[in-house]
Amino acid sequence: MPRARDRRNPVKKDVKPGESFETTPTEIKSLNSSILVLSQKMNYVVRNEKILGRNLLILNKKIKGLEGLKGSNIEEGSITELKDSLNELNSIVSKNSEKVMELEALMDSMKQNFVSKEQFEELKFIIDSINPMKLMNTDSAEKFIESKINEKLSKKGK
């Protein structure tokens, strides 16, 4: 039964020969789609931040205009309401800015920690060219050398 994958270390612990190459393309596609989703979310946050920034500028202009008319028949309560809305928008914009920075940091770390599709294709080509499944391990090499030595000794003894 395969083990559950650890979120901190996405590499499988008990990988059988050849199994990692079968699952790696799907894992890369999964990571690619995750990156695309994060990118889209980041774009939405940036767009919302721009909209909120524009709203902030408009509200600031209105407040400055109202402060100039303070002596007229404008109620003091409406100015405080506008200031409260402005403060609320400021907090939303700052939260969105923090989220954008977090997403950018996450994207940068993903770019550093994962190989690109081209790098993966190159590694796959190299491994397929070498074909490590046909290479000897140390024990089989030692047995092969011993058998050849024994053959030579038996031929010389005859």
C-alpha atoms as a PDB file:
ATOM      1  CA  MET A   1       0.000   0.000   0.000  1.00  0.00           C
ATOM      2  CA  PRO A   2       1.605   3.351  -0.999  1.00  0.00           C
ATOM      3  CA  ARG A   3       2.399   5.797   1.745  1.00  0.00           C
ATOM      4  CA  ALA A   4       0.696   9.173   1.992  1.00  0.00           C
ATOM      5  CA  ARG A   5       2.891  11.920   0.671  1.00  0.00           C
ATOM      6  CA  ASP A   6       4.436  14.387   3.075  1.00  0.00           C
ATOM      7  CA  ARG A   7       3.440  17.975   2.153  1.00  0.00           C
ATOM      8  CA  ARG A   8       6.849  19.340   3.147  1.00  0.00           C
ATOM      9  CA  ASN A   9       8.746  16.802   1.054  1.00  0.00           C
ATOM     10  CA  PRO A  10       6.874  15.858  -2.147  1.00  0.00           C
ATOM     11  CA  VAL A  11       9.291  13.040  -3.028  1.00  0.00           C
ATOM     12  CA  LYS A  12       7.916   9.532  -2.476  1.00  0.00           C
ATOM     13  CA  LYS A  13       9.789   7.475   0.107  1.00  0.00           C
ATOM     14  CA  ASP A  14       9.426   3.991  -1.357  1.00  0.00           C
ATOM     15  CA  VAL A  15       9.819   4.465  -5.106  1.00  0.00           C
ATOM     16  CA  LYS A  16      10.229   1.403  -7.279  1.00  0.00           C
ATOM     17  CA  PRO A  17      12.526   1.503 -10.323  1.00  0.00           C
ATOM     18  CA  GLY A  18      10.847   3.193 -13.250  1.00  0.00           C
ATOM     19  CA  GLU A  19       7.843   4.234 -11.158  1.00  0.00           C
ATOM     20  CA  SER A  20       9.023   7.813 -10.624  1.00  0.00           C
ATOM     21  CA  PHE A  21       9.163   8.460 -14.370  1.00  0.00           C
ATOM     22  CA  GLU A  22       5.601   7.284 -14.784  1.00  0.00           C
ATOM     23  CA  THR A  23       4.194   9.637 -12.144  1.00  0.00           C
ATOM     24  CA  THR A  24       6.509  12.616 -12.645  1.00  0.00           C
ATOM     25  CA  PRO A  25       4.738  14.078 -15.730  1.00  0.00           C
ATOM     26  CA  THR A  26       1.417  14.043 -13.894  1.00  0.00           C
ATOM     27  CA  GLU A  27       3.060  15.654 -10.876  1.00  0.00           C
ATOM     28  CA  ILE A  28       4.542  18.349 -13.109  1.00  0.00           C
ATOM     29  CA  LYS A  29       1.144  18.963 -14.701  1.00  0.00           C
ATOM     30  CA  SER A  30      -0.369  19.197 -11.225  1.00  0.00           C
ATOM     31  CA  LEU A  31       2.282  21.685 -10.114  1.00  0.00           C
ATOM     32  CA  ASN A  32       1.814  23.670 -13.319  1.00  0.00           C
ATOM     33  CA  SER A  33      -1.933  23.915 -12.744  1.00  0.00           C
ATOM     34  CA  SER A  34      -1.335  24.951  -9.120  1.00  0.00           C
ATOM     35  CA  ILE A  35       1.031  27.666 -10.294  1.00  0.00           C
ATOM     36  CA  LEU A  36      -1.520  28.854 -12.846  1.00  0.00           C
ATOM     37  CA  VAL A  37      -4.242  29.018 -10.187  1.00  0.00           C
ATOM     38  CA  LEU A  38      -1.938  30.996  -7.890  1.00  0.00           C
ATOM     39  CA  SER A  39      -1.075  33.302 -10.759  1.00  0.00           C
ATOM     40  CA  GLN A  40      -4.748  33.935 -11.505  1.00  0.00           C
ATOM     41  CA  LYS A  41      -5.471  34.616  -7.838  1.00  0.00           C
ATOM     42  CA  MET A  42      -2.561  37.009  -7.738  1.00  0.00           C
ATOM     43  CA  ASN A  43      -3.906  38.833 -10.806  1.00  0.00           C
ATOM     44  CA  TYR A  44      -7.320  39.162  -9.154  1.00  0.00           C
ATOM     45  CA  VAL A  45      -5.770  40.517  -5.971  1.00  0.00           C
ATOM     46  CA  VAL A  46      -3.708  43.039  -7.948  1.00  0.00           C
ATOM     47  CA  ARG A  47      -6.780  44.120  -9.924  1.00  0.00           C
ATOM     48  CA  ASN A  48      -8.837  44.504  -6.739  1.00  0.00           C
ATOM     49  CA  GLU A  49      -6.009  46.435  -5.140  1.00  0.00           C
ATOM     50  CA  LYS A  50      -5.967  48.878  -8.085  1.00  0.00           C
ATOM     51  CA  ILE A  51      -9.732  49.334  -7.869  1.00  0.00           C
ATOM     52  CA  LEU A  52      -9.578  49.940  -4.125  1.00  0.00           C
ATOM     53  CA  GLY A  53      -6.707  52.381  -4.625  1.00  0.00           C
ATOM     54  CA  ARG A  54      -8.760  54.375  -7.111  1.00  0.00           C
ATOM     55  CA  ASN A  55     -11.694  54.374  -4.707  1.00  0.00           C
ATOM     56  CA  LEU A  56      -9.366  55.597  -1.974  1.00  0.00           C
ATOM     57  CA  LEU A  57      -8.190  58.501  -4.117  1.00  0.00           C
ATOM     58  CA  ILE A  58     -11.755  59.495  -4.933  1.00  0.00           C
ATOM     59  CA  LEU A  59     -12.806  59.317  -1.283  1.00  0.00           C
ATOM     60  CA  ASN A  60      -9.756  61.359  -0.247  1.00  0.00           C
ATOM     61  CA  LYS A  61     -10.718  64.069  -2.737  1.00  0.00           C
ATOM     62  CA  LYS A  62     -14.296  64.045  -1.428  1.00  0.00           C
ATOM     63  CA  ILE A  63     -13.118  64.294   2.167  1.00  0.00           C
ATOM     64  CA  LYS A  64     -10.791  67.182   1.363  1.00  0.00           C
ATOM     65  CA  GLY A  65     -13.667  68.905  -0.417  1.00  0.00           C
ATOM     66  CA  LEU A  66     -15.935  68.312   2.551  1.00  0.00           C
ATOM     67  CA  GLU A  67     -13.351  69.552   5.020  1.00  0.00           C
ATOM     68  CA  GLY A  68     -13.212  72.803   3.073  1.00  0.00           C
ATOM     69  CA  LEU A  69     -17.002  73.089   3.422  1.00  0.00           C
ATOM     70  CA  LYS A  70     -17.027  72.251   7.137  1.00  0.00           C
ATOM     71  CA  GLY A  71     -18.719  75.514   8.074  1.00  0.00           C
ATOM     72  CA  SER A  72     -21.606  74.911   5.692  1.00  0.00           C
ATOM     73  CA  ASN A  73     -24.689  72.763   6.243  1.00  0.00           C
ATOM     74  CA  ILE A  74     -22.879  69.370   5.981  1.00  0.00           C
ATOM     75  CA  GLU A  75     -23.437  67.098   8.936  1.00  0.00           C
ATOM     76  CA  GLU A  76     -20.448  66.108  11.036  1.00  0.00           C
ATOM     77  CA  GLY A  77     -21.677  62.491  11.031  1.00  0.00           C
ATOM     78  CA  SER A  78     -21.307  62.119   7.268  1.00  0.00           C
ATOM     79  CA  ILE A  79     -17.668  63.226   7.442  1.00  0.00           C
ATOM     80  CA  THR A  80     -16.923  60.672  10.145  1.00  0.00           C
ATOM     81  CA  GLU A  81     -18.701  58.004   8.079  1.00  0.00           C
ATOM     82  CA  LEU A  82     -16.514  58.864   5.108  1.00  0.00           C
ATOM     83  CA  LYS A  83     -13.397  58.742   7.278  1.00  0.00           C
ATOM     84  CA  ASP A  84     -14.457  55.360   8.641  1.00  0.00           C
ATOM     85  CA  SER A  85     -15.026  54.047   5.102  1.00  0.00           C
ATOM     86  CA  LEU A  86     -11.663  55.422   4.083  1.00  0.00           C
ATOM     87  CA  ASN A  87      -9.952  53.688   7.013  1.00  0.00           C
ATOM     88  CA  GLU A  88     -11.718  50.441   6.146  1.00  0.00           C
ATOM     89  CA  LEU A  89     -10.590  50.691   2.519  1.00  0.00           C
ATOM     90  CA  ASN A  90      -7.045  51.445   3.675  1.00  0.00           C
ATOM     91  CA  SER A  91      -7.007  48.277   5.773  1.00  0.00           C
ATOM     92  CA  ILE A  92      -8.386  46.206   2.874  1.00  0.00           C
ATOM     93  CA  VAL A  93      -5.739  47.593   0.522  1.00  0.00           C
ATOM     94  CA  SER A  94      -2.957  46.847   3.004  1.00  0.00           C
ATOM     95  CA  LYS A  95      -4.238  43.278   3.505  1.00  0.00           C
ATOM     96  CA  ASN A  96      -4.368  42.775  -0.252  1.00  0.00           C
ATOM     97  CA  SER A  97      -0.833  44.117  -0.588  1.00  0.00           C
ATOM     98  CA  GLU A  98       0.357  41.599   2.011  1.00  0.00           C
ATOM     99  CA  LYS A  99      -1.404  38.785   0.156  1.00  0.00           C
ATOM    100  CA  VAL A 100       0.194  39.846  -3.122  1.00  0.00           C
ATOM    101  CA  MET A 101       3.630  39.819  -1.496  1.00  0.00           C
ATOM    102  CA  GLU A 102       2.962  36.353  -0.024  1.00  0.00           C
ATOM    103  CA  LEU A 103       1.851  35.022  -3.407  1.00  0.00           C
ATOM    104  CA  GLU A 104       4.902  36.513  -5.113  1.00  0.00           C
ATOM    105  CA  ALA A 105       7.163  34.892  -2.508  1.00  0.00           C
ATOM    106  CA  LEU A 106       5.380  31.565  -3.014  1.00  0.00           C
ATOM    107  CA  MET A 107       5.763  31.825  -6.794  1.00  0.00           C
ATOM    108  CA  ASP A 108       9.488  32.635  -6.422  1.00  0.00           C
ATOM    109  CA  SER A 109      10.034  29.668  -4.115  1.00  0.00           C
ATOM    110  CA  MET A 110       8.178  27.369  -6.523  1.00  0.00           C
ATOM    111  CA  LYS A 111      10.328  28.598  -9.391  1.00  0.00           C
ATOM    112  CA  GLN A 112      13.473  27.883  -7.362  1.00  0.00           C
ATOM    113  CA  ASN A 113      12.432  24.518  -5.898  1.00  0.00           C
ATOM    114  CA  PHE A 114      10.967  22.832  -8.968  1.00  0.00           C
ATOM    115  CA  VAL A 115      12.481  22.019 -12.324  1.00  0.00           C
ATOM    116  CA  SER A 116      11.042  23.457 -15.484  1.00  0.00           C
ATOM    117  CA  LYS A 117       9.489  21.274 -18.156  1.00  0.00           C
ATOM    118  CA  GLU A 118      12.565  21.732 -20.369  1.00  0.00           C
ATOM    119  CA  GLN A 119      14.916  20.693 -17.568  1.00  0.00           C
ATOM    120  CA  PHE A 120      12.770  17.654 -16.877  1.00  0.00           C
ATOM    121  CA  GLU A 121      12.746  16.672 -20.558  1.00  0.00           C
ATOM    122  CA  GLU A 122      16.557  16.975 -20.627  1.00  0.00           C
ATOM    123  CA  LEU A 123      16.956  14.818 -17.514  1.00  0.00           C
ATOM    124  CA  LYS A 124      14.549  12.234 -18.909  1.00  0.00           C
ATOM    125  CA  PHE A 125      16.528  12.096 -22.159  1.00  0.00           C
ATOM    126  CA  ILE A 126      19.802  11.615 -20.272  1.00  0.00           C
ATOM    127  CA  ILE A 127      18.389   8.884 -18.046  1.00  0.00           C
ATOM    128  CA  ASP A 128      16.764   7.133 -20.989  1.00  0.00           C
ATOM    129  CA  SER A 129      20.093   7.283 -22.847  1.00  0.00           C
ATOM    130  CA  ILE A 130      21.992   5.776 -19.925  1.00  0.00           C
ATOM    131  CA  ASN A 131      19.243   3.270 -19.112  1.00  0.00           C
ATOM    132  CA  PRO A 132      20.227   2.630 -15.477  1.00  0.00           C
ATOM    133  CA  MET A 133      18.118  -0.543 -15.366  1.00  0.00           C
ATOM    134  CA  LYS A 134      20.709  -2.296 -17.540  1.00  0.00           C
ATOM    135  CA  LEU A 135      23.707  -1.156 -15.508  1.00  0.00           C
ATOM    136  CA  MET A 136      25.356  -3.525 -13.057  1.00  0.00           C
ATOM    137  CA  ASN A 137      25.384  -2.950  -9.367  1.00  0.00           C
ATOM    138  CA  THR A 138      28.530  -3.602  -7.286  1.00  0.00           C
ATOM    139  CA  ASP A 139      27.569  -7.121  -6.191  1.00  0.00           C
ATOM    140  CA  SER A 140      26.783  -8.338  -9.690  1.00  0.00           C
ATOM    141  CA  ALA A 141      30.013  -6.775 -11.014  1.00  0.00           C
ATOM    142  CA  GLU A 142      32.060  -8.563  -8.327  1.00  0.00           C
ATOM    143  CA  LYS A 143      30.355 -11.899  -9.115  1.00  0.00           C
ATOM    144  CA  PHE A 144      30.981 -11.396 -12.825  1.00  0.00           C
ATOM    145  CA  ILE A 145      34.689 -10.654 -12.227  1.00  0.00           C
ATOM    146  CA  GLU A 146      35.045 -13.663  -9.908  1.00  0.00           C
ATOM    147  CA  SER A 147      33.395 -15.971 -12.454  1.00  0.00           C
ATOM    148  CA  LYS A 148      35.739 -14.739 -15.193  1.00  0.00           C
ATOM    149  CA  ILE A 149      38.763 -15.240 -12.923  1.00  0.00           C
ATOM    150  CA  ASN A 150      37.565 -18.747 -12.029  1.00  0.00           C
ATOM    151  CA  GLU A 151      37.112 -19.538 -15.749  1.00  0.00           C
ATOM    152  CA  LYS A 152      40.660 -18.398 -16.521  1.00  0.00           C
ATOM    153  CA  LEU A 153      42.073 -20.377 -13.589  1.00  0.00           C
ATOM    154  CA  SER A 154      40.151 -23.499 -14.604  1.00  0.00           C
ATOM    155  CA  LYS A 155      41.413 -23.174 -18.215  1.00  0.00           C
ATOM    156  CA  LYS A 156      45.023 -22.811 -17.016  1.00  0.00           C
ATOM    157  CA  GLY A 157      44.638 -25.801 -14.700  1.00  0.00           C
ATOM    158  CA  LYS A 158      43.563 -28.110 -17.553  1.00  0.00           C
END
